[in-house]
Protein backbone atom coordinates (compact mmCIF):
# COMPACT_ATOMS: atom_id res chain seq x y z
CA MET A 1 18.92 -58.10 -20.85
CA GLU A 2 17.81 -54.56 -21.29
CA SER A 3 14.79 -53.65 -23.32
CA GLU A 4 15.30 -50.86 -25.77
CA SER A 5 12.09 -48.88 -25.31
CA PRO A 6 12.19 -45.26 -26.31
CA GLU A 7 11.99 -43.45 -22.96
CA ARG A 8 11.95 -39.69 -22.57
CA PRO A 9 14.54 -38.05 -20.29
CA GLY A 10 11.79 -36.82 -17.95
CA GLY A 11 10.76 -40.36 -17.09
CA SER A 12 7.51 -40.38 -19.09
CA SER A 13 7.18 -43.44 -21.28
CA SER A 14 4.50 -42.00 -23.62
CA PRO A 15 5.95 -40.32 -26.71
CA ARG A 16 3.30 -37.58 -26.73
CA ASP A 17 0.99 -36.11 -24.17
CA PRO A 18 -2.56 -36.73 -25.45
CA ALA A 19 -4.04 -33.60 -23.83
CA PRO A 20 -2.98 -30.31 -25.42
CA ARG A 21 -1.86 -27.57 -23.08
CA PRO A 22 -4.76 -25.17 -22.39
CA SER A 23 -4.37 -21.63 -23.63
CA ARG A 24 -5.28 -18.54 -21.64
CA ARG A 25 -8.54 -16.96 -22.69
CA VAL A 26 -8.50 -13.35 -23.83
CA PHE A 27 -11.62 -11.20 -23.57
CA SER A 28 -12.25 -8.00 -25.51
CA ASN A 29 -13.22 -4.81 -23.71
CA ALA A 30 -16.63 -4.85 -25.42
CA TYR A 31 -17.28 -8.39 -24.14
CA LYS A 32 -16.22 -7.42 -20.61
CA LEU A 33 -18.50 -4.38 -20.62
CA ARG A 34 -21.43 -6.42 -21.94
CA ILE A 35 -21.00 -9.14 -19.31
CA VAL A 36 -20.56 -6.65 -16.44
CA THR A 37 -23.70 -4.78 -17.50
CA GLU A 38 -25.68 -7.99 -17.92
CA TYR A 39 -24.46 -9.30 -14.54
CA GLU A 40 -25.27 -6.07 -12.70
CA ASN A 41 -28.76 -5.86 -14.24
CA ALA A 42 -29.60 -9.53 -13.61
CA PRO A 43 -32.01 -10.42 -10.80
CA HIS A 44 -30.43 -11.91 -7.69
CA GLY A 45 -30.95 -15.59 -8.64
CA GLU A 46 -29.80 -15.22 -12.26
CA LYS A 47 -26.24 -14.00 -11.72
CA GLY A 48 -24.85 -17.49 -11.21
CA ALA A 49 -26.55 -18.66 -14.41
CA ILE A 50 -24.74 -15.94 -16.39
CA LEU A 51 -21.40 -16.99 -14.90
CA ARG A 52 -22.02 -20.67 -15.67
CA ARG A 53 -23.21 -19.93 -19.21
CA GLU A 54 -20.09 -17.89 -19.97
CA GLY A 55 -17.68 -20.12 -18.01
CA LEU A 56 -16.58 -17.27 -15.77
CA PHE A 57 -15.96 -16.71 -12.09
CA SER A 58 -17.44 -13.89 -10.05
CA SER A 59 -13.91 -12.55 -9.56
CA HIS A 60 -13.76 -11.87 -13.31
CA VAL A 61 -16.83 -9.69 -13.14
CA VAL A 62 -15.63 -7.89 -10.02
CA GLU A 63 -12.25 -7.17 -11.61
CA TRP A 64 -13.84 -5.99 -14.84
CA ALA A 65 -16.28 -3.75 -12.98
CA ARG A 66 -13.38 -2.13 -11.13
CA ALA A 67 -11.53 -1.63 -14.41
CA ARG A 68 -14.66 -0.10 -15.93
CA ASP A 69 -15.10 2.23 -12.96
CA ALA A 70 -11.47 3.31 -13.28
CA GLY A 71 -12.05 4.02 -16.98
CA ALA A 72 -9.72 1.27 -18.21
CA LEU A 73 -12.36 -0.49 -20.32
CA GLY A 74 -13.47 2.56 -22.23
CA GLY A 75 -16.84 2.71 -20.51
CA LYS A 76 -17.92 5.73 -18.57
CA PRO A 77 -16.50 5.55 -15.07
CA ALA A 78 -18.94 5.54 -12.18
CA ALA A 79 -18.88 8.25 -9.55
CA ALA A 80 -15.49 8.53 -7.90
CA ARG A 81 -15.16 6.37 -4.81
CA GLY A 82 -13.00 7.49 -1.94
CA PRO A 83 -10.86 10.58 -1.59
CA GLU A 84 -9.04 12.09 -4.52
CA LYS A 85 -5.29 11.79 -4.58
CA LYS A 86 -3.38 14.86 -3.47
CA PRO A 87 -1.18 16.48 -6.07
CA ALA A 88 2.51 15.71 -5.77
CA LYS A 89 4.50 18.14 -3.66
CA SER A 90 7.18 20.24 -5.29
CA ALA A 91 10.80 20.06 -4.18
CA GLU A 92 10.42 23.46 -2.50
CA GLN A 93 7.40 22.29 -0.48
CA ILE A 94 9.25 19.17 0.64
CA GLU A 95 12.29 21.24 1.67
CA LEU A 96 10.06 23.74 3.50
CA GLU A 97 8.35 20.97 5.48
CA LYS A 98 11.73 19.43 6.32
CA LEU A 99 13.04 22.77 7.58
CA ARG A 100 9.91 23.39 9.66
CA ARG A 101 10.26 19.98 11.34
CA GLU A 102 13.94 20.66 12.05
CA ASN A 103 13.06 24.11 13.45
CA GLU A 104 10.51 22.58 15.84
CA ARG A 105 13.02 19.95 16.94
CA LEU A 106 15.67 22.59 17.60
CA LYS A 107 13.21 24.79 19.54
CA ALA A 108 12.38 21.85 21.81
CA ARG A 109 16.09 21.14 22.32
CA LEU A 110 16.76 24.81 23.13
CA ALA A 111 13.97 24.85 25.71
CA THR A 112 15.44 21.76 27.38
CA THR A 113 18.91 23.30 27.42
CA GLU A 114 17.61 26.60 28.88
CA THR A 115 15.76 24.70 31.62
CA ALA A 116 18.92 22.72 32.47
CA LEU A 117 21.00 25.92 32.62
CA ASP A 118 18.42 27.58 34.86
CA ILE A 119 18.49 24.61 37.25
CA MET A 120 22.30 24.57 37.26
CA GLY A 121 22.39 28.32 37.99
CA LYS A 122 20.02 27.89 40.93
CA ALA A 123 22.03 24.91 42.21
CA HIS A 124 25.23 26.97 41.97
CA ALA A 125 23.64 29.85 43.88
CA LEU A 126 22.37 27.45 46.55
CA LEU A 127 25.81 25.87 46.93
CA GLU A 128 27.39 29.35 47.30
CA GLN A 129 24.83 30.21 49.94
CA ILE A 130 25.54 26.98 51.82
CA SER A 131 29.28 27.56 51.52
CA GLU A 132 29.01 31.14 52.86
CA SER A 133 26.83 30.08 55.76
CA ALA A 134 29.25 27.25 56.60
CA ASP A 135 32.17 29.70 56.51
CA GLY A 136 30.27 32.08 58.81
CA ASP A 137 29.50 29.32 61.30
CA GLN A 138 33.14 28.33 61.57
CA GLN A 139 34.35 31.79 62.55
């Protein structure tokens, strides 16, 4: 005999899950700025208390501070850290650099070819000299 209990296709026998699915928290920019400022101004031992009180992790504050420094939170950005980005190169500058690299490569190849030709010329002259001296010895 089979019992006719209402089972769900996923294998769960409970008709409803008693715990609702948690929703992702959303923080306003004003809240983020306030917490970052409070955290940065707190004495060394009090920073953890702020995080516990607000239910946050230190990574939240670090991320928000970086966003603030980049100007993404609407607060005044701190002094620029690191080097400034170089402006994008124009198509002409890119082409000019490409041609300069190719020119250097071709100059190096030409120098190699000229050296090889010089060596071959000297080898040819030496072989002619050897040939002439061998012909002179045989006579």
